[in-house]
Amino acid sequence: RLTNEFAGLGGDVNYFRTTLGSGFFYPLADEEWVLGFETDAGYIFGWSDDIIRINDRFFVGGQNLRGFQTAGIGPRDQATSDALGGNVYFTSTAELRFPLG
């Protein structure tokens, strides 16, 4: 999947954001067990000399990287420990899905 977002027509922010993701799933053991691999990446940049605001940045954790809280990975403010997000991200996961009884 490929997505592009463009902000700047009539608003107060100007940026271009691109995300790219892919996944491969391979059935095992009568298709009840599935081996999966997924990769996601993204890049955002401001145009017209705009900086990227914190709420427009990428945050890793939660749905896009299991086992971590939402915005659980990445740079943090030293005074408050709040997540700052990033302008670039990359995640890659491998998983085995199987029925539980």
PDB file of N, CA and C in Angstrom:
ATOM      1  N   ARG A   1       0.841  -1.179   0.000  1.00  0.00           N
ATOM      2  CA  ARG A   1       0.000   0.000   0.000  1.00  0.00           C
ATOM      3  C   ARG A   1       0.885   1.239   0.000  1.00  0.00           C
ATOM      4  N   LEU A   2       0.421   2.257  -0.656  1.00  0.00           N
ATOM      5  CA  LEU A   2       1.127   3.528  -0.748  1.00  0.00           C
ATOM      6  C   LEU A   2       0.109   4.632  -0.512  1.00  0.00           C
ATOM      7  N   THR A   3       0.422   5.536   0.405  1.00  0.00           N
ATOM      8  CA  THR A   3      -0.464   6.671   0.642  1.00  0.00           C
ATOM      9  C   THR A   3       0.347   7.957   0.605  1.00  0.00           C
ATOM     10  N   ASN A   4      -0.268   8.987   0.100  1.00  0.00           N
ATOM     11  CA  ASN A   4       0.320  10.324   0.078  1.00  0.00           C
ATOM     12  C   ASN A   4      -0.693  11.306   0.646  1.00  0.00           C
ATOM     13  N   GLU A   5      -0.224  12.209   1.484  1.00  0.00           N
ATOM     14  CA  GLU A   5      -1.073  13.257   2.034  1.00  0.00           C
ATOM     15  C   GLU A   5      -0.412  14.592   1.754  1.00  0.00           C
ATOM     16  N   PHE A   6      -1.219  15.520   1.318  1.00  0.00           N
ATOM     17  CA  PHE A   6      -0.735  16.852   0.996  1.00  0.00           C
ATOM     18  C   PHE A   6      -1.558  17.857   1.785  1.00  0.00           C
ATOM     19  N   ALA A   7      -0.894  18.691   2.574  1.00  0.00           N
ATOM     20  CA  ALA A   7      -1.586  19.724   3.349  1.00  0.00           C
ATOM     21  C   ALA A   7      -1.026  21.077   2.947  1.00  0.00           C
ATOM     22  N   GLY A   8      -1.906  22.054   2.813  1.00  0.00           N
ATOM     23  CA  GLY A   8      -1.417  23.378   2.493  1.00  0.00           C
ATOM     24  C   GLY A   8      -2.315  24.206   1.613  1.00  0.00           C
ATOM     25  N   LEU A   9      -3.447  23.662   1.223  1.00  0.00           N
ATOM     26  CA  LEU A   9      -4.363  24.447   0.408  1.00  0.00           C
ATOM     27  C   LEU A   9      -5.440  25.039   1.318  1.00  0.00           C
ATOM     28  N   GLY A  10      -5.246  26.265   1.754  1.00  0.00           N
ATOM     29  CA  GLY A  10      -6.220  26.934   2.588  1.00  0.00           C
ATOM     30  C   GLY A  10      -6.050  26.725   4.076  1.00  0.00           C
ATOM     31  N   GLY A  11      -5.085  25.950   4.507  1.00  0.00           N
ATOM     32  CA  GLY A  11      -4.871  25.709   5.928  1.00  0.00           C
ATOM     33  C   GLY A  11      -3.658  26.470   6.455  1.00  0.00           C
ATOM     34  N   ASP A  12      -3.312  26.167   7.693  1.00  0.00           N
ATOM     35  CA  ASP A  12      -2.163  26.853   8.288  1.00  0.00           C
ATOM     36  C   ASP A  12      -0.948  25.948   8.420  1.00  0.00           C
ATOM     37  N   VAL A  13      -0.994  24.738   7.865  1.00  0.00           N
ATOM     38  CA  VAL A  13       0.158  23.851   7.834  1.00  0.00           C
ATOM     39  C   VAL A  13       0.442  23.468   6.388  1.00  0.00           C
ATOM     40  N   ASN A  14       1.702  23.223   6.096  1.00  0.00           N
ATOM     41  CA  ASN A  14       2.134  22.849   4.751  1.00  0.00           C
ATOM     42  C   ASN A  14       3.075  21.665   4.849  1.00  0.00           C
ATOM     43  N   TYR A  15       2.607  20.505   4.433  1.00  0.00           N
ATOM     44  CA  TYR A  15       3.485  19.341   4.435  1.00  0.00           C
ATOM     45  C   TYR A  15       3.059  18.338   3.382  1.00  0.00           C
ATOM     46  N   PHE A  16       3.983  17.427   3.103  1.00  0.00           N
ATOM     47  CA  PHE A  16       3.728  16.294   2.224  1.00  0.00           C
ATOM     48  C   PHE A  16       4.179  15.052   2.971  1.00  0.00           C
ATOM     49  N   ARG A  17       3.278  14.080   3.121  1.00  0.00           N
ATOM     50  CA  ARG A  17       3.574  12.865   3.881  1.00  0.00           C
ATOM     51  C   ARG A  17       3.360  11.655   2.979  1.00  0.00           C
ATOM     52  N   THR A  18       4.322  10.750   2.982  1.00  0.00           N
ATOM     53  CA  THR A  18       4.242   9.514   2.219  1.00  0.00           C
ATOM     54  C   THR A  18       4.449   8.333   3.152  1.00  0.00           C
ATOM     55  N   THR A  19       3.601   7.326   3.025  1.00  0.00           N
ATOM     56  CA  THR A  19       3.804   6.076   3.757  1.00  0.00           C
ATOM     57  C   THR A  19       3.731   4.920   2.766  1.00  0.00           C
ATOM     58  N   LEU A  20       4.531   3.912   3.038  1.00  0.00           N
ATOM     59  CA  LEU A  20       4.614   2.735   2.189  1.00  0.00           C
ATOM     60  C   LEU A  20       4.614   1.514   3.085  1.00  0.00           C
ATOM     61  N   GLY A  21       3.793   0.541   2.761  1.00  0.00           N
ATOM     62  CA  GLY A  21       3.731  -0.676   3.558  1.00  0.00           C
ATOM     63  C   GLY A  21       3.509  -1.891   2.693  1.00  0.00           C
ATOM     64  N   SER A  22       4.008  -3.023   3.166  1.00  0.00           N
ATOM     65  CA  SER A  22       3.790  -4.267   2.437  1.00  0.00           C
ATOM     66  C   SER A  22       3.708  -5.412   3.441  1.00  0.00           C
ATOM     67  N   GLY A  23       3.075  -6.469   3.030  1.00  0.00           N
ATOM     68  CA  GLY A  23       2.953  -7.644   3.877  1.00  0.00           C
ATOM     69  C   GLY A  23       2.908  -8.900   3.041  1.00  0.00           C
ATOM     70  N   PHE A  24       3.398  -9.962   3.636  1.00  0.00           N
ATOM     71  CA  PHE A  24       3.387 -11.267   2.988  1.00  0.00           C
ATOM     72  C   PHE A  24       2.919 -12.283   4.024  1.00  0.00           C
ATOM     73  N   PHE A  25       1.920 -13.069   3.678  1.00  0.00           N
ATOM     74  CA  PHE A  25       1.376 -14.057   4.597  1.00  0.00           C
ATOM     75  C   PHE A  25       1.408 -15.422   3.921  1.00  0.00           C
ATOM     76  N   TYR A  26       1.945 -16.404   4.648  1.00  0.00           N
ATOM     77  CA  TYR A  26       2.104 -17.740   4.101  1.00  0.00           C
ATOM     78  C   TYR A  26       1.385 -18.742   5.000  1.00  0.00           C
ATOM     79  N   PRO A  27       0.360 -19.452   4.469  1.00  0.00           N
ATOM     80  CA  PRO A  27      -0.370 -20.417   5.296  1.00  0.00           C
ATOM     81  C   PRO A  27       0.461 -21.674   5.567  1.00  0.00           C
ATOM     82  N   LEU A  28       0.359 -22.153   6.796  1.00  0.00           N
ATOM     83  CA  LEU A  28       1.036 -23.380   7.214  1.00  0.00           C
ATOM     84  C   LEU A  28      -0.004 -24.308   7.845  1.00  0.00           C
ATOM     85  N   ALA A  29       0.264 -25.564   7.926  1.00  0.00           N
ATOM     86  CA  ALA A  29      -0.545 -26.544   8.662  1.00  0.00           C
ATOM     87  C   ALA A  29      -2.039 -26.411   8.363  1.00  0.00           C
ATOM     88  N   ASP A  30      -2.422 -26.757   7.180  1.00  0.00           N
ATOM     89  CA  ASP A  30      -3.829 -26.723   6.760  1.00  0.00           C
ATOM     90  C   ASP A  30      -4.458 -25.344   6.883  1.00  0.00           C
ATOM     91  N   GLU A  31      -3.688 -24.317   6.672  1.00  0.00           N
ATOM     92  CA  GLU A  31      -4.115 -22.914   6.664  1.00  0.00           C
ATOM     93  C   GLU A  31      -4.652 -22.424   8.005  1.00  0.00           C
ATOM     94  N   GLU A  32      -4.486 -23.176   9.069  1.00  0.00           N
ATOM     95  CA  GLU A  32      -4.864 -22.693  10.392  1.00  0.00           C
ATOM     96  C   GLU A  32      -3.727 -21.900  11.030  1.00  0.00           C
ATOM     97  N   TRP A  33      -2.524 -22.194  10.639  1.00  0.00           N
ATOM     98  CA  TRP A  33      -1.359 -21.449  11.114  1.00  0.00           C
ATOM     99  C   TRP A  33      -0.882 -20.583   9.947  1.00  0.00           C
ATOM    100  N   VAL A  34      -0.600 -19.327  10.232  1.00  0.00           N
ATOM    101  CA  VAL A  34      -0.183 -18.398   9.175  1.00  0.00           C
ATOM    102  C   VAL A  34       1.078 -17.665   9.626  1.00  0.00           C
ATOM    103  N   LEU A  35       2.093 -17.707   8.777  1.00  0.00           N
ATOM    104  CA  LEU A  35       3.342 -16.987   9.012  1.00  0.00           C
ATOM    105  C   LEU A  35       3.255 -15.665   8.263  1.00  0.00           C
ATOM    106  N   GLY A  36       3.472 -14.555   8.960  1.00  0.00           N
ATOM    107  CA  GLY A  36       3.319 -13.249   8.328  1.00  0.00           C
ATOM    108  C   GLY A  36       4.523 -12.353   8.534  1.00  0.00           C
ATOM    109  N   PHE A  37       4.803 -11.551   7.523  1.00  0.00           N
ATOM    110  CA  PHE A  37       5.871 -10.553   7.562  1.00  0.00           C
ATOM    111  C   PHE A  37       5.285  -9.236   7.065  1.00  0.00           C
ATOM    112  N   GLU A  38       5.530  -8.161   7.803  1.00  0.00           N
ATOM    113  CA  GLU A  38       5.033  -6.843   7.399  1.00  0.00           C
ATOM    114  C   GLU A  38       6.115  -5.797   7.592  1.00  0.00           C
ATOM    115  N   THR A  39       6.127  -4.814   6.695  1.00  0.00           N
ATOM    116  CA  THR A  39       7.081  -3.708   6.751  1.00  0.00           C
ATOM    117  C   THR A  39       6.337  -2.418   6.430  1.00  0.00           C
ATOM    118  N   ASP A  40       6.616  -1.382   7.194  1.00  0.00           N
ATOM    119  CA  ASP A  40       6.027  -0.062   6.966  1.00  0.00           C
ATOM    120  C   ASP A  40       7.111   1.001   7.082  1.00  0.00           C
ATOM    121  N   ALA A  41       6.977   2.044   6.293  1.00  0.00           N
ATOM    122  CA  ALA A  41       7.920   3.161   6.346  1.00  0.00           C
ATOM    123  C   ALA A  41       7.168   4.439   5.994  1.00  0.00           C
ATOM    124  N   GLY A  42       7.676   5.560   6.481  1.00  0.00           N
ATOM    125  CA  GLY A  42       7.046   6.833   6.175  1.00  0.00           C
ATOM    126  C   GLY A  42       8.014   7.987   6.256  1.00  0.00           C
ATOM    127  N   TYR A  43       7.672   9.053   5.540  1.00  0.00           N
ATOM    128  CA  TYR A  43       8.498  10.259   5.512  1.00  0.00           C
ATOM    129  C   TYR A  43       7.565  11.456   5.380  1.00  0.00           C
ATOM    130  N   ILE A  44       7.824  12.500   6.160  1.00  0.00           N
ATOM    131  CA  ILE A  44       7.036  13.725   6.083  1.00  0.00           C
ATOM    132  C   ILE A  44       8.001  14.911   6.031  1.00  0.00           C
ATOM    133  N   PHE A  45       7.670  15.890   5.198  1.00  0.00           N
ATOM    134  CA  PHE A  45       8.492  17.109   5.156  1.00  0.00           C
ATOM    135  C   PHE A  45       7.589  18.309   4.915  1.00  0.00           C
ATOM    136  N   GLY A  46       7.985  19.423   5.489  1.00  0.00           N
ATOM    137  CA  GLY A  46       7.247  20.664   5.317  1.00  0.00           C
ATOM    138  C   GLY A  46       7.707  21.387   4.066  1.00  0.00           C
ATOM    139  N   TRP A  47       6.791  22.029   3.415  1.00  0.00           N
ATOM    140  CA  TRP A  47       7.162  22.853   2.263  1.00  0.00           C
ATOM    141  C   TRP A  47       6.776  24.292   2.561  1.00  0.00           C
ATOM    142  N   SER A  48       7.260  25.192   1.792  1.00  0.00           N
ATOM    143  CA  SER A  48       7.055  26.622   2.010  1.00  0.00           C
ATOM    144  C   SER A  48       7.634  27.053   3.359  1.00  0.00           C
ATOM    145  N   ASP A  49       8.789  26.467   3.707  1.00  0.00           N
ATOM    146  CA  ASP A  49       9.529  26.791   4.940  1.00  0.00           C
ATOM    147  C   ASP A  49       8.751  26.504   6.223  1.00  0.00           C
ATOM    148  N   ASP A  50       7.786  25.604   6.181  1.00  0.00           N
ATOM    149  CA  ASP A  50       7.041  25.211   7.376  1.00  0.00           C
ATOM    150  C   ASP A  50       7.759  24.084   8.109  1.00  0.00           C
ATOM    151  N   ILE A  51       7.660  24.106   9.434  1.00  0.00           N
ATOM    152  CA  ILE A  51       8.163  22.996  10.230  1.00  0.00           C
ATOM    153  C   ILE A  51       7.012  22.018  10.447  1.00  0.00           C
ATOM    154  N   ILE A  52       7.339  20.786  10.773  1.00  0.00           N
ATOM    155  CA  ILE A  52       6.333  19.766  11.012  1.00  0.00           C
ATOM    156  C   ILE A  52       5.925  19.833  12.482  1.00  0.00           C
ATOM    157  N   ARG A  53       4.636  20.013  12.740  1.00  0.00           N
ATOM    158  CA  ARG A  53       4.142  20.076  14.111  1.00  0.00           C
ATOM    159  C   ARG A  53       4.135  18.675  14.730  1.00  0.00           C
ATOM    160  N   ILE A  54       4.189  18.620  16.041  1.00  0.00           N
ATOM    161  CA  ILE A  54       4.248  17.338  16.735  1.00  0.00           C
ATOM    162  C   ILE A  54       3.053  16.453  16.386  1.00  0.00           C
ATOM    163  N   ASN A  55       1.868  17.003  16.335  1.00  0.00           N
ATOM    164  CA  ASN A  55       0.696  16.167  16.070  1.00  0.00           C
ATOM    165  C   ASN A  55       0.626  15.649  14.632  1.00  0.00           C
ATOM    166  N   ASP A  56       1.479  16.128  13.722  1.00  0.00           N
ATOM    167  CA  ASP A  56       1.524  15.623  12.358  1.00  0.00           C
ATOM    168  C   ASP A  56       2.636  14.591  12.153  1.00  0.00           C
ATOM    169  N   ARG A  57       3.499  14.401  13.135  1.00  0.00           N
ATOM    170  CA  ARG A  57       4.624  13.472  13.019  1.00  0.00           C
ATOM    171  C   ARG A  57       4.175  12.019  13.166  1.00  0.00           C
ATOM    172  N   PHE A  58       5.098  11.114  12.892  1.00  0.00           N
ATOM    173  CA  PHE A  58       4.840   9.677  13.026  1.00  0.00           C
ATOM    174  C   PHE A  58       5.145   9.234  14.453  1.00  0.00           C
ATOM    175  N   PHE A  59       4.300   8.350  14.976  1.00  0.00           N
ATOM    176  CA  PHE A  59       4.502   7.771  16.300  1.00  0.00           C
ATOM    177  C   PHE A  59       4.477   6.253  16.161  1.00  0.00           C
ATOM    178  N   VAL A  60       5.482   5.585  16.719  1.00  0.00           N
ATOM    179  CA  VAL A  60       5.628   4.137  16.589  1.00  0.00           C
ATOM    180  C   VAL A  60       5.224   3.467  17.896  1.00  0.00           C
ATOM    181  N   GLY A  61       4.465   2.403  17.776  1.00  0.00           N
ATOM    182  CA  GLY A  61       3.982   1.637  18.919  1.00  0.00           C
ATOM    183  C   GLY A  61       2.495   1.407  18.771  1.00  0.00           C
ATOM    184  N   GLY A  62       1.944   0.516  19.557  1.00  0.00           N
ATOM    185  CA  GLY A  62       0.516   0.219  19.456  1.00  0.00           C
ATOM    186  C   GLY A  62       0.216  -0.625  18.241  1.00  0.00           C
ATOM    187  N   GLN A  63      -0.608  -0.142  17.328  1.00  0.00           N
ATOM    188  CA  GLN A  63      -1.021  -0.921  16.165  1.00  0.00           C
ATOM    189  C   GLN A  63       0.097  -1.145  15.146  1.00  0.00           C
ATOM    190  N   ASN A  64       1.028  -0.207  15.018  1.00  0.00           N
ATOM    191  CA  ASN A  64       2.053  -0.393  13.986  1.00  0.00           C
ATOM    192  C   ASN A  64       3.316  -1.099  14.488  1.00  0.00           C
ATOM    193  N   LEU A  65       3.408  -1.368  15.791  1.00  0.00           N
ATOM    194  CA  LEU A  65       4.488  -2.194  16.331  1.00  0.00           C
ATOM    195  C   LEU A  65       3.989  -2.804  17.630  1.00  0.00           C
ATOM    196  N   ARG A  66       3.498  -4.021  17.535  1.00  0.00           N
ATOM    197  CA  ARG A  66       2.882  -4.689  18.681  1.00  0.00           C
ATOM    198  C   ARG A  66       3.879  -4.910  19.800  1.00  0.00           C
ATOM    199  N   GLY A  67       3.346  -4.928  21.013  1.00  0.00           N
ATOM    200  CA  GLY A  67       4.187  -5.146  22.182  1.00  0.00           C
ATOM    201  C   GLY A  67       4.644  -3.857  22.836  1.00  0.00           C
ATOM    202  N   PHE A  68       4.333  -2.729  22.224  1.00  0.00           N
ATOM    203  CA  PHE A  68       4.704  -1.427  22.758  1.00  0.00           C
ATOM    204  C   PHE A  68       3.455  -0.549  22.834  1.00  0.00           C
ATOM    205  N   GLN A  69       3.416   0.338  23.806  1.00  0.00           N
ATOM    206  CA  GLN A  69       2.304   1.265  23.918  1.00  0.00           C
ATOM    207  C   GLN A  69       2.278   2.202  22.713  1.00  0.00           C
ATOM    208  N   THR A  70       1.122   2.784  22.434  1.00  0.00           N
ATOM    209  CA  THR A  70       1.028   3.782  21.381  1.00  0.00           C
ATOM    210  C   THR A  70       2.006   4.909  21.679  1.00  0.00           C
ATOM    211  N   ALA A  71       2.806   5.277  20.696  1.00  0.00           N
ATOM    212  CA  ALA A  71       3.866   6.283  20.837  1.00  0.00           C
ATOM    213  C   ALA A  71       4.892   5.865  21.881  1.00  0.00           C
ATOM    214  N   GLY A  72       5.068   4.559  22.069  1.00  0.00           N
ATOM    215  CA  GLY A  72       5.987   4.050  23.079  1.00  0.00           C
ATOM    216  C   GLY A  72       7.437   4.028  22.653  1.00  0.00           C
ATOM    217  N   ILE A  73       7.701   4.173  21.367  1.00  0.00           N
ATOM    218  CA  ILE A  73       9.072   4.142  20.858  1.00  0.00           C
ATOM    219  C   ILE A  73       9.358   5.464  20.155  1.00  0.00           C
ATOM    220  N   GLY A  74      10.527   6.022  20.393  1.00  0.00           N
ATOM    221  CA  GLY A  74      10.917   7.245  19.703  1.00  0.00           C
ATOM    222  C   GLY A  74      11.425   8.295  20.668  1.00  0.00           C
ATOM    223  N   PRO A  75      11.770   9.457  20.127  1.00  0.00           N
ATOM    224  CA  PRO A  75      12.326  10.530  20.965  1.00  0.00           C
ATOM    225  C   PRO A  75      11.299  11.052  21.956  1.00  0.00           C
ATOM    226  N   ARG A  76      11.799  11.481  23.107  1.00  0.00           N
ATOM    227  CA  ARG A  76      10.943  11.988  24.180  1.00  0.00           C
ATOM    228  C   ARG A  76      11.483  13.307  24.709  1.00  0.00           C
ATOM    229  N   ASP A  77      10.577  14.134  25.205  1.00  0.00           N
ATOM    230  CA  ASP A  77      10.948  15.362  25.892  1.00  0.00           C
ATOM    231  C   ASP A  77      11.581  14.968  27.226  1.00  0.00           C
ATOM    232  N   GLN A  78      12.764  15.487  27.527  1.00  0.00           N
ATOM    233  CA  GLN A  78      13.468  15.082  28.752  1.00  0.00           C
ATOM    234  C   GLN A  78      12.782  15.577  30.007  1.00  0.00           C
ATOM    235  N   ALA A  79      12.095  16.683  29.940  1.00  0.00           N
ATOM    236  CA  ALA A  79      11.458  17.238  31.132  1.00  0.00           C
ATOM    237  C   ALA A  79      10.144  16.525  31.469  1.00  0.00           C
ATOM    238  N   THR A  80       9.348  16.175  30.443  1.00  0.00           N
ATOM    239  CA  THR A  80       8.025  15.612  30.698  1.00  0.00           C
ATOM    240  C   THR A  80       7.872  14.154  30.279  1.00  0.00           C
ATOM    241  N   SER A  81       8.839  13.614  29.550  1.00  0.00           N
ATOM    242  CA  SER A  81       8.796  12.254  28.988  1.00  0.00           C
ATOM    243  C   SER A  81       7.694  12.082  27.950  1.00  0.00           C
ATOM    244  N   ASP A  82       7.155  13.176  27.413  1.00  0.00           N
ATOM    245  CA  ASP A  82       6.151  13.096  26.349  1.00  0.00           C
ATOM    246  C   ASP A  82       6.815  12.685  25.034  1.00  0.00           C
ATOM    247  N   ALA A  83       6.094  11.886  24.237  1.00  0.00           N
ATOM    248  CA  ALA A  83       6.595  11.474  22.925  1.00  0.00           C
ATOM    249  C   ALA A  83       6.627  12.667  21.983  1.00  0.00           C
ATOM    250  N   LEU A  84       7.691  12.782  21.197  1.00  0.00           N
ATOM    251  CA  LEU A  84       7.854  13.884  20.254  1.00  0.00           C
ATOM    252  C   LEU A  84       7.588  13.478  18.811  1.00  0.00           C
ATOM    253  N   GLY A  85       7.532  12.177  18.548  1.00  0.00           N
ATOM    254  CA  GLY A  85       7.307  11.717  17.185  1.00  0.00           C
ATOM    255  C   GLY A  85       8.531  11.936  16.314  1.00  0.00           C
ATOM    256  N   GLY A  86       8.412  11.551  15.055  1.00  0.00           N
ATOM    257  CA  GLY A  86       9.530  11.699  14.131  1.00  0.00           C
ATOM    258  C   GLY A  86       9.047  12.003  12.730  1.00  0.00           C
ATOM    259  N   ASN A  87       9.953  12.505  11.906  1.00  0.00           N
ATOM    260  CA  ASN A  87       9.637  12.819  10.511  1.00  0.00           C
ATOM    261  C   ASN A  87       9.859  11.620   9.593  1.00  0.00           C
ATOM    262  N   VAL A  88      10.530  10.590  10.096  1.00  0.00           N
ATOM    263  CA  VAL A  88      10.811   9.386   9.329  1.00  0.00           C
ATOM    264  C   VAL A  88      10.575   8.194  10.251  1.00  0.00           C
ATOM    265  N   TYR A  89      10.035   7.114   9.724  1.00  0.00           N
ATOM    266  CA  TYR A  89       9.932   5.894  10.527  1.00  0.00           C
ATOM    267  C   TYR A  89      10.028   4.664   9.639  1.00  0.00           C
ATOM    268  N   PHE A  90      10.393   3.553  10.263  1.00  0.00           N
ATOM    269  CA  PHE A  90      10.476   2.255   9.593  1.00  0.00           C
ATOM    270  C   PHE A  90      10.190   1.185  10.635  1.00  0.00           C
ATOM    271  N   THR A  91       9.285   0.289  10.339  1.00  0.00           N
ATOM    272  CA  THR A  91       9.025  -0.855  11.208  1.00  0.00           C
ATOM    273  C   THR A  91       8.967  -2.112  10.357  1.00  0.00           C
ATOM    274  N   SER A  92       9.350  -3.223  10.962  1.00  0.00           N
ATOM    275  CA  SER A  92       9.281  -4.511  10.296  1.00  0.00           C
ATOM    276  C   SER A  92       8.936  -5.549  11.356  1.00  0.00           C
ATOM    277  N   THR A  93       7.978  -6.411  11.055  1.00  0.00           N
ATOM    278  CA  THR A  93       7.556  -7.418  12.016  1.00  0.00           C
ATOM    279  C   THR A  93       7.430  -8.781  11.354  1.00  0.00           C
ATOM    280  N   ALA A  94       7.586  -9.809  12.170  1.00  0.00           N
ATOM    281  CA  ALA A  94       7.329 -11.187  11.766  1.00  0.00           C
ATOM    282  C   ALA A  94       6.434 -11.795  12.839  1.00  0.00           C
ATOM    283  N   GLU A  95       5.441 -12.565  12.419  1.00  0.00           N
ATOM    284  CA  GLU A  95       4.526 -13.143  13.400  1.00  0.00           C
ATOM    285  C   GLU A  95       4.013 -14.487  12.915  1.00  0.00           C
ATOM    286  N   LEU A  96       3.571 -15.284  13.880  1.00  0.00           N
ATOM    287  CA  LEU A  96       2.947 -16.564  13.598  1.00  0.00           C
ATOM    288  C   LEU A  96       1.567 -16.534  14.231  1.00  0.00           C
ATOM    289  N   ARG A  97       0.533 -16.665  13.411  1.00  0.00           N
ATOM    290  CA  ARG A  97      -0.847 -16.665  13.899  1.00  0.00           C
ATOM    291  C   ARG A  97      -1.356 -18.112  13.913  1.00  0.00           C
ATOM    292  N   PHE A  98      -2.042 -18.480  15.001  1.00  0.00           N
ATOM    293  CA  PHE A  98      -2.562 -19.823  15.119  1.00  0.00           C
ATOM    294  C   PHE A  98      -3.817 -19.815  15.994  1.00  0.00           C
ATOM    295  N   PRO A  99      -4.719 -20.797  15.818  1.00  0.00           N
ATOM    296  CA  PRO A  99      -5.953 -20.836  16.601  1.00  0.00           C
ATOM    297  C   PRO A  99      -5.664 -21.255  18.047  1.00  0.00           C
ATOM    298  N   LEU A 100      -6.514 -20.775  18.941  1.00  0.00           N
ATOM    299  CA  LEU A 100      -6.377 -21.118  20.355  1.00  0.00           C
ATOM    300  C   LEU A 100      -7.530 -22.020  20.784  1.00  0.00           C
ATOM    301  N   GLY A 101      -7.466 -23.237  20.353  1.00  0.00           N
ATOM    302  CA  GLY A 101      -8.449 -24.234  20.803  1.00  0.00           C
ATOM    303  C   GLY A 101      -9.798 -24.180  20.177  1.00  0.00           C
TER     304      GLY A 101
END
